[in-house]
């Protein structure tokens, strides 16, 4: 994964979990959770499973770990 991954550019990004998450493998970033206070760094995102529509809140930096996530749908 490249180090240029930035949380504010993740919205609507497509990701594949290397290990299924609650039996889901393909996800879309549906929300970048804005911090309180607003000047704080973004830490969380919400991903939604393509098939089941289940949502999960994860730390956006987890997407940098190739053992957990692959960019795109593979």
PDB file of N, CA and C in Angstrom:
ATOM      1  N   UNK A   1       0.849  -1.170   0.000  1.00  0.00           N
ATOM      2  CA  UNK A   1       0.000   0.000   0.000  1.00  0.00           C
ATOM      3  C   UNK A   1       0.891   1.227   0.000  1.00  0.00           C
ATOM      4  N   UNK A   2       0.481   2.238  -0.714  1.00  0.00           N
ATOM      5  CA  UNK A   2       1.271   3.456  -0.782  1.00  0.00           C
ATOM      6  C   UNK A   2       1.091   4.266   0.492  1.00  0.00           C
ATOM      7  N   UNK A   3       2.087   5.087   0.792  1.00  0.00           N
ATOM      8  CA  UNK A   3       1.993   5.926   1.981  1.00  0.00           C
ATOM      9  C   UNK A   3       1.205   7.193   1.702  1.00  0.00           C
ATOM     10  N   UNK A   4       0.769   7.409   0.457  1.00  0.00           N
ATOM     11  CA  UNK A   4       0.027   8.620   0.120  1.00  0.00           C
ATOM     12  C   UNK A   4      -1.465   8.504   0.437  1.00  0.00           C
ATOM     13  N   UNK A   5      -1.879   7.414   1.032  1.00  0.00           N
ATOM     14  CA  UNK A   5      -3.274   7.230   1.419  1.00  0.00           C
ATOM     15  C   UNK A   5      -3.652   8.293   2.444  1.00  0.00           C
ATOM     16  N   UNK A   6      -4.695   9.065   2.155  1.00  0.00           N
ATOM     17  CA  UNK A   6      -5.112  10.149   3.038  1.00  0.00           C
ATOM     18  C   UNK A   6      -6.581   9.955   3.393  1.00  0.00           C
ATOM     19  N   UNK A   7      -6.965  10.122   4.660  1.00  0.00           N
ATOM     20  CA  UNK A   7      -8.335   9.809   5.079  1.00  0.00           C
ATOM     21  C   UNK A   7      -9.405  10.622   4.362  1.00  0.00           C
ATOM     22  N   UNK A   8      -9.125  11.867   4.022  1.00  0.00           N
ATOM     23  CA  UNK A   8     -10.153  12.692   3.395  1.00  0.00           C
ATOM     24  C   UNK A   8     -10.387  12.330   1.931  1.00  0.00           C
ATOM     25  N   UNK A   9      -9.530  11.487   1.361  1.00  0.00           N
ATOM     26  CA  UNK A   9      -9.691  11.056  -0.032  1.00  0.00           C
ATOM     27  C   UNK A   9     -10.186   9.617  -0.128  1.00  0.00           C
ATOM     28  N   UNK A  10     -10.573   9.033   0.977  1.00  0.00           N
ATOM     29  CA  UNK A  10     -11.009   7.637   1.001  1.00  0.00           C
ATOM     30  C   UNK A  10     -12.472   7.436   0.621  1.00  0.00           C
ATOM     31  N   UNK A  11     -13.283   8.475   0.741  1.00  0.00           N
ATOM     32  CA  UNK A  11     -14.729   8.340   0.539  1.00  0.00           C
ATOM     33  C   UNK A  11     -15.039   7.682  -0.800  1.00  0.00           C
ATOM     34  N   UNK A  12     -15.891   6.655  -0.756  1.00  0.00           N
ATOM     35  CA  UNK A  12     -16.343   5.857  -1.894  1.00  0.00           C
ATOM     36  C   UNK A  12     -15.259   4.957  -2.468  1.00  0.00           C
ATOM     37  N   UNK A  13     -14.151   4.817  -1.741  1.00  0.00           N
ATOM     38  CA  UNK A  13     -13.102   3.893  -2.173  1.00  0.00           C
ATOM     39  C   UNK A  13     -13.563   2.453  -2.001  1.00  0.00           C
ATOM     40  N   UNK A  14     -13.065   1.579  -2.878  1.00  0.00           N
ATOM     41  CA  UNK A  14     -13.424   0.158  -2.852  1.00  0.00           C
ATOM     42  C   UNK A  14     -12.272  -0.632  -2.257  1.00  0.00           C
ATOM     43  N   UNK A  15     -12.600  -1.546  -1.340  1.00  0.00           N
ATOM     44  CA  UNK A  15     -11.596  -2.325  -0.626  1.00  0.00           C
ATOM     45  C   UNK A  15     -12.023  -3.779  -0.503  1.00  0.00           C
ATOM     46  N   UNK A  16     -11.045  -4.672  -0.482  1.00  0.00           N
ATOM     47  CA  UNK A  16     -11.278  -6.098  -0.275  1.00  0.00           C
ATOM     48  C   UNK A  16     -10.570  -6.520   1.002  1.00  0.00           C
ATOM     49  N   UNK A  17     -11.305  -7.150   1.892  1.00  0.00           N
ATOM     50  CA  UNK A  17     -10.723  -7.679   3.121  1.00  0.00           C
ATOM     51  C   UNK A  17      -9.989  -8.976   2.792  1.00  0.00           C
ATOM     52  N   UNK A  18      -8.773  -9.144   3.313  1.00  0.00           N
ATOM     53  CA  UNK A  18      -8.031 -10.376   3.063  1.00  0.00           C
ATOM     54  C   UNK A  18      -8.663 -11.551   3.801  1.00  0.00           C
ATOM     55  N   UNK A  19      -9.301 -11.274   4.936  1.00  0.00           N
ATOM     56  CA  UNK A  19     -10.077 -12.262   5.683  1.00  0.00           C
ATOM     57  C   UNK A  19     -11.492 -11.714   5.797  1.00  0.00           C
ATOM     58  N   UNK A  20     -12.505 -12.496   5.451  1.00  0.00           N
ATOM     59  CA  UNK A  20     -13.877 -11.971   5.516  1.00  0.00           C
ATOM     60  C   UNK A  20     -14.207 -11.375   6.883  1.00  0.00           C
ATOM     61  N   UNK A  21     -14.947 -10.283   6.844  1.00  0.00           N
ATOM     62  CA  UNK A  21     -15.387  -9.580   8.041  1.00  0.00           C
ATOM     63  C   UNK A  21     -16.890  -9.814   8.148  1.00  0.00           C
ATOM     64  N   UNK A  22     -17.294 -10.627   9.120  1.00  0.00           N
ATOM     65  CA  UNK A  22     -18.707 -11.025   9.267  1.00  0.00           C
ATOM     66  C   UNK A  22     -19.225 -11.606   7.948  1.00  0.00           C
ATOM     67  N   UNK A  23     -18.405 -12.449   7.314  1.00  0.00           N
ATOM     68  CA  UNK A  23     -18.711 -13.149   6.062  1.00  0.00           C
ATOM     69  C   UNK A  23     -18.754 -12.237   4.842  1.00  0.00           C
ATOM     70  N   UNK A  24     -18.361 -10.993   4.983  1.00  0.00           N
ATOM     71  CA  UNK A  24     -18.304 -10.061   3.857  1.00  0.00           C
ATOM     72  C   UNK A  24     -16.854  -9.825   3.482  1.00  0.00           C
ATOM     73  N   UNK A  25     -16.616  -9.619   2.193  1.00  0.00           N
ATOM     74  CA  UNK A  25     -15.255  -9.454   1.718  1.00  0.00           C
ATOM     75  C   UNK A  25     -15.034  -8.128   0.983  1.00  0.00           C
ATOM     76  N   UNK A  26     -16.059  -7.616   0.307  1.00  0.00           N
ATOM     77  CA  UNK A  26     -15.927  -6.398  -0.496  1.00  0.00           C
ATOM     78  C   UNK A  26     -16.670  -5.237   0.167  1.00  0.00           C
ATOM     79  N   UNK A  27     -15.980  -4.095   0.256  1.00  0.00           N
ATOM     80  CA  UNK A  27     -16.495  -2.954   1.008  1.00  0.00           C
ATOM     81  C   UNK A  27     -16.297  -1.652   0.251  1.00  0.00           C
ATOM     82  N   UNK A  28     -17.135  -0.678   0.593  1.00  0.00           N
ATOM     83  CA  UNK A  28     -17.014   0.691   0.102  1.00  0.00           C
ATOM     84  C   UNK A  28     -16.924   1.597   1.335  1.00  0.00           C
ATOM     85  N   UNK A  29     -16.037   2.580   1.268  1.00  0.00           N
ATOM     86  CA  UNK A  29     -15.959   3.576   2.341  1.00  0.00           C
ATOM     87  C   UNK A  29     -17.137   4.527   2.155  1.00  0.00           C
ATOM     88  N   UNK A  30     -18.068   4.528   3.107  1.00  0.00           N
ATOM     89  CA  UNK A  30     -19.277   5.349   2.974  1.00  0.00           C
ATOM     90  C   UNK A  30     -19.248   6.598   3.843  1.00  0.00           C
ATOM     91  N   UNK A  31     -18.295   6.674   4.772  1.00  0.00           N
ATOM     92  CA  UNK A  31     -18.236   7.859   5.630  1.00  0.00           C
ATOM     93  C   UNK A  31     -16.838   8.016   6.212  1.00  0.00           C
ATOM     94  N   UNK A  32     -16.355   9.241   6.184  1.00  0.00           N
ATOM     95  CA  UNK A  32     -15.153   9.612   6.929  1.00  0.00           C
ATOM     96  C   UNK A  32     -15.678  10.319   8.171  1.00  0.00           C
ATOM     97  N   UNK A  33     -15.457   9.721   9.337  1.00  0.00           N
ATOM     98  CA  UNK A  33     -16.003  10.229  10.590  1.00  0.00           C
ATOM     99  C   UNK A  33     -15.200  11.456  11.018  1.00  0.00           C
ATOM    100  N   UNK A  34     -15.864  12.595  11.045  1.00  0.00           N
ATOM    101  CA  UNK A  34     -15.194  13.835  11.421  1.00  0.00           C
ATOM    102  C   UNK A  34     -14.974  13.873  12.923  1.00  0.00           C
ATOM    103  N   UNK A  35     -13.786  14.294  13.336  1.00  0.00           N
ATOM    104  CA  UNK A  35     -13.446  14.277  14.765  1.00  0.00           C
ATOM    105  C   UNK A  35     -14.037  15.465  15.515  1.00  0.00           C
ATOM    106  N   UNK A  36     -14.063  15.336  16.821  1.00  0.00           N
ATOM    107  CA  UNK A  36     -14.406  16.437  17.726  1.00  0.00           C
ATOM    108  C   UNK A  36     -13.177  16.706  18.563  1.00  0.00           C
ATOM    109  N   UNK A  37     -12.617  17.844  18.562  1.00  0.00           N
ATOM    110  CA  UNK A  37     -12.967  19.047  17.814  1.00  0.00           C
ATOM    111  C   UNK A  37     -12.567  18.907  16.340  1.00  0.00           C
ATOM    112  N   UNK A  38     -13.142  19.724  15.463  1.00  0.00           N
ATOM    113  CA  UNK A  38     -12.923  19.594  14.015  1.00  0.00           C
ATOM    114  C   UNK A  38     -11.460  19.701  13.573  1.00  0.00           C
ATOM    115  N   UNK A  39     -10.620  20.392  14.342  1.00  0.00           N
ATOM    116  CA  UNK A  39      -9.221  20.519  13.931  1.00  0.00           C
ATOM    117  C   UNK A  39      -8.376  19.287  14.278  1.00  0.00           C
ATOM    118  N   UNK A  40      -8.943  18.340  14.993  1.00  0.00           N
ATOM    119  CA  UNK A  40      -8.240  17.099  15.312  1.00  0.00           C
ATOM    120  C   UNK A  40      -8.116  16.238  14.049  1.00  0.00           C
ATOM    121  N   UNK A  41      -7.196  15.285  14.102  1.00  0.00           N
ATOM    122  CA  UNK A  41      -6.956  14.409  12.957  1.00  0.00           C
ATOM    123  C   UNK A  41      -8.097  13.399  12.793  1.00  0.00           C
ATOM    124  N   UNK A  42      -8.423  13.082  11.555  1.00  0.00           N
ATOM    125  CA  UNK A  42      -9.413  12.039  11.254  1.00  0.00           C
ATOM    126  C   UNK A  42      -8.813  10.698  11.649  1.00  0.00           C
ATOM    127  N   UNK A  43      -9.594   9.899  12.365  1.00  0.00           N
ATOM    128  CA  UNK A  43      -9.093   8.599  12.803  1.00  0.00           C
ATOM    129  C   UNK A  43      -9.973   7.449  12.324  1.00  0.00           C
ATOM    130  N   UNK A  44     -11.277   7.670  12.189  1.00  0.00           N
ATOM    131  CA  UNK A  44     -12.225   6.596  11.899  1.00  0.00           C
ATOM    132  C   UNK A  44     -12.905   6.791  10.548  1.00  0.00           C
ATOM    133  N   UNK A  45     -13.253   5.651   9.932  1.00  0.00           N
ATOM    134  CA  UNK A  45     -14.081   5.654   8.734  1.00  0.00           C
ATOM    135  C   UNK A  45     -15.154   4.591   8.915  1.00  0.00           C
ATOM    136  N   UNK A  46     -16.214   4.704   8.121  1.00  0.00           N
ATOM    137  CA  UNK A  46     -17.230   3.662   8.091  1.00  0.00           C
ATOM    138  C   UNK A  46     -17.166   2.987   6.737  1.00  0.00           C
ATOM    139  N   UNK A  47     -17.117   1.657   6.772  1.00  0.00           N
ATOM    140  CA  UNK A  47     -17.147   0.881   5.542  1.00  0.00           C
ATOM    141  C   UNK A  47     -18.453   0.108   5.506  1.00  0.00           C
ATOM    142  N   UNK A  48     -18.948  -0.097   4.294  1.00  0.00           N
ATOM    143  CA  UNK A  48     -20.198  -0.837   4.123  1.00  0.00           C
ATOM    144  C   UNK A  48     -19.957  -2.012   3.195  1.00  0.00           C
ATOM    145  N   UNK A  49     -20.419  -3.185   3.621  1.00  0.00           N
ATOM    146  CA  UNK A  49     -20.280  -4.385   2.804  1.00  0.00           C
ATOM    147  C   UNK A  49     -21.174  -4.272   1.576  1.00  0.00           C
ATOM    148  N   UNK A  50     -20.636  -4.662   0.437  1.00  0.00           N
ATOM    149  CA  UNK A  50     -21.365  -4.532  -0.824  1.00  0.00           C
ATOM    150  C   UNK A  50     -22.598  -5.433  -0.834  1.00  0.00           C
ATOM    151  N   UNK A  51     -22.453  -6.671  -0.386  1.00  0.00           N
ATOM    152  CA  UNK A  51     -23.565  -7.621  -0.476  1.00  0.00           C
ATOM    153  C   UNK A  51     -24.587  -7.468   0.649  1.00  0.00           C
ATOM    154  N   UNK A  52     -24.138  -7.375   1.876  1.00  0.00           N
ATOM    155  CA  UNK A  52     -25.071  -7.388   3.011  1.00  0.00           C
ATOM    156  C   UNK A  52     -25.479  -5.998   3.487  1.00  0.00           C
ATOM    157  N   UNK A  53     -24.733  -4.981   3.074  1.00  0.00           N
ATOM    158  CA  UNK A  53     -24.962  -3.592   3.502  1.00  0.00           C
ATOM    159  C   UNK A  53     -24.668  -3.362   4.986  1.00  0.00           C
ATOM    160  N   UNK A  54     -24.008  -4.337   5.638  1.00  0.00           N
ATOM    161  CA  UNK A  54     -23.597  -4.134   7.029  1.00  0.00           C
ATOM    162  C   UNK A  54     -22.482  -3.107   7.074  1.00  0.00           C
ATOM    163  N   UNK A  55     -22.505  -2.277   8.111  1.00  0.00           N
ATOM    164  CA  UNK A  55     -21.485  -1.238   8.272  1.00  0.00           C
ATOM    165  C   UNK A  55     -20.564  -1.582   9.431  1.00  0.00           C
ATOM    166  N   UNK A  56     -19.314  -1.181   9.262  1.00  0.00           N
ATOM    167  CA  UNK A  56     -18.307  -1.377  10.296  1.00  0.00           C
ATOM    168  C   UNK A  56     -17.513  -0.091  10.415  1.00  0.00           C
ATOM    169  N   UNK A  57     -17.191   0.296  11.636  1.00  0.00           N
ATOM    170  CA  UNK A  57     -16.336   1.459  11.867  1.00  0.00           C
ATOM    171  C   UNK A  57     -14.933   0.932  12.153  1.00  0.00           C
ATOM    172  N   UNK A  58     -13.966   1.407  11.377  1.00  0.00           N
ATOM    173  CA  UNK A  58     -12.580   0.985  11.552  1.00  0.00           C
ATOM    174  C   UNK A  58     -11.677   2.216  11.549  1.00  0.00           C
ATOM    175  N   UNK A  59     -10.476   2.052  12.057  1.00  0.00           N
ATOM    176  CA  UNK A  59      -9.467   3.107  11.957  1.00  0.00           C
ATOM    177  C   UNK A  59      -8.979   3.119  10.516  1.00  0.00           C
ATOM    178  N   UNK A  60      -8.946   4.292   9.881  1.00  0.00           N
ATOM    179  CA  UNK A  60      -8.606   4.349   8.466  1.00  0.00           C
ATOM    180  C   UNK A  60      -7.198   3.830   8.198  1.00  0.00           C
ATOM    181  N   UNK A  61      -6.305   3.921   9.172  1.00  0.00           N
ATOM    182  CA  UNK A  61      -4.926   3.456   8.966  1.00  0.00           C
ATOM    183  C   UNK A  61      -4.841   1.933   8.788  1.00  0.00           C
ATOM    184  N   UNK A  62      -5.877   1.215   9.205  1.00  0.00           N
ATOM    185  CA  UNK A  62      -5.897  -0.234   8.983  1.00  0.00           C
ATOM    186  C   UNK A  62      -5.829  -0.569   7.501  1.00  0.00           C
ATOM    187  N   UNK A  63      -6.342   0.328   6.658  1.00  0.00           N
ATOM    188  CA  UNK A  63      -6.342   0.082   5.217  1.00  0.00           C
ATOM    189  C   UNK A  63      -4.927   0.045   4.652  1.00  0.00           C
ATOM    190  N   UNK A  64      -3.962   0.583   5.371  1.00  0.00           N
ATOM    191  CA  UNK A  64      -2.566   0.559   4.930  1.00  0.00           C
ATOM    192  C   UNK A  64      -1.915  -0.808   5.118  1.00  0.00           C
ATOM    193  N   UNK A  65      -2.542  -1.682   5.890  1.00  0.00           N
ATOM    194  CA  UNK A  65      -1.962  -2.989   6.208  1.00  0.00           C
ATOM    195  C   UNK A  65      -2.351  -4.008   5.137  1.00  0.00           C
ATOM    196  N   UNK A  66      -1.403  -4.420   4.281  1.00  0.00           N
ATOM    197  CA  UNK A  66      -1.735  -5.372   3.216  1.00  0.00           C
ATOM    198  C   UNK A  66      -2.125  -6.759   3.736  1.00  0.00           C
ATOM    199  N   UNK A  67      -1.848  -7.030   5.003  1.00  0.00           N
ATOM    200  CA  UNK A  67      -2.289  -8.303   5.594  1.00  0.00           C
ATOM    201  C   UNK A  67      -3.790  -8.280   5.884  1.00  0.00           C
ATOM    202  N   UNK A  68      -4.380  -7.072   5.954  1.00  0.00           N
ATOM    203  CA  UNK A  68      -5.809  -6.930   6.256  1.00  0.00           C
ATOM    204  C   UNK A  68      -6.649  -6.514   5.052  1.00  0.00           C
ATOM    205  N   UNK A  69      -6.104  -5.603   4.218  1.00  0.00           N
ATOM    206  CA  UNK A  69      -6.900  -4.985   3.148  1.00  0.00           C
ATOM    207  C   UNK A  69      -6.132  -4.886   1.842  1.00  0.00           C
ATOM    208  N   UNK A  70      -6.884  -4.986   0.737  1.00  0.00           N
ATOM    209  CA  UNK A  70      -6.358  -4.735  -0.602  1.00  0.00           C
ATOM    210  C   UNK A  70      -7.238  -3.663  -1.244  1.00  0.00           C
ATOM    211  N   UNK A  71      -6.605  -2.701  -1.898  1.00  0.00           N
ATOM    212  CA  UNK A  71      -7.368  -1.651  -2.549  1.00  0.00           C
ATOM    213  C   UNK A  71      -8.043  -2.207  -3.789  1.00  0.00           C
ATOM    214  N   UNK A  72      -9.293  -1.823  -4.029  1.00  0.00           N
ATOM    215  CA  UNK A  72     -10.069  -2.350  -5.138  1.00  0.00           C
ATOM    216  C   UNK A  72     -10.771  -3.621  -4.733  1.00  0.00           C
ATOM    217  N   UNK A  73     -11.517  -4.179  -5.664  1.00  0.00           N
ATOM    218  CA  UNK A  73     -12.209  -5.445  -5.410  1.00  0.00           C
ATOM    219  C   UNK A  73     -11.476  -6.536  -6.137  1.00  0.00           C
ATOM    220  N   UNK A  74     -10.905  -7.436  -5.355  1.00  0.00           N
ATOM    221  CA  UNK A  74     -10.134  -8.537  -5.959  1.00  0.00           C
ATOM    222  C   UNK A  74     -10.741  -9.864  -5.606  1.00  0.00           C
TER     223      UNK A  74
END
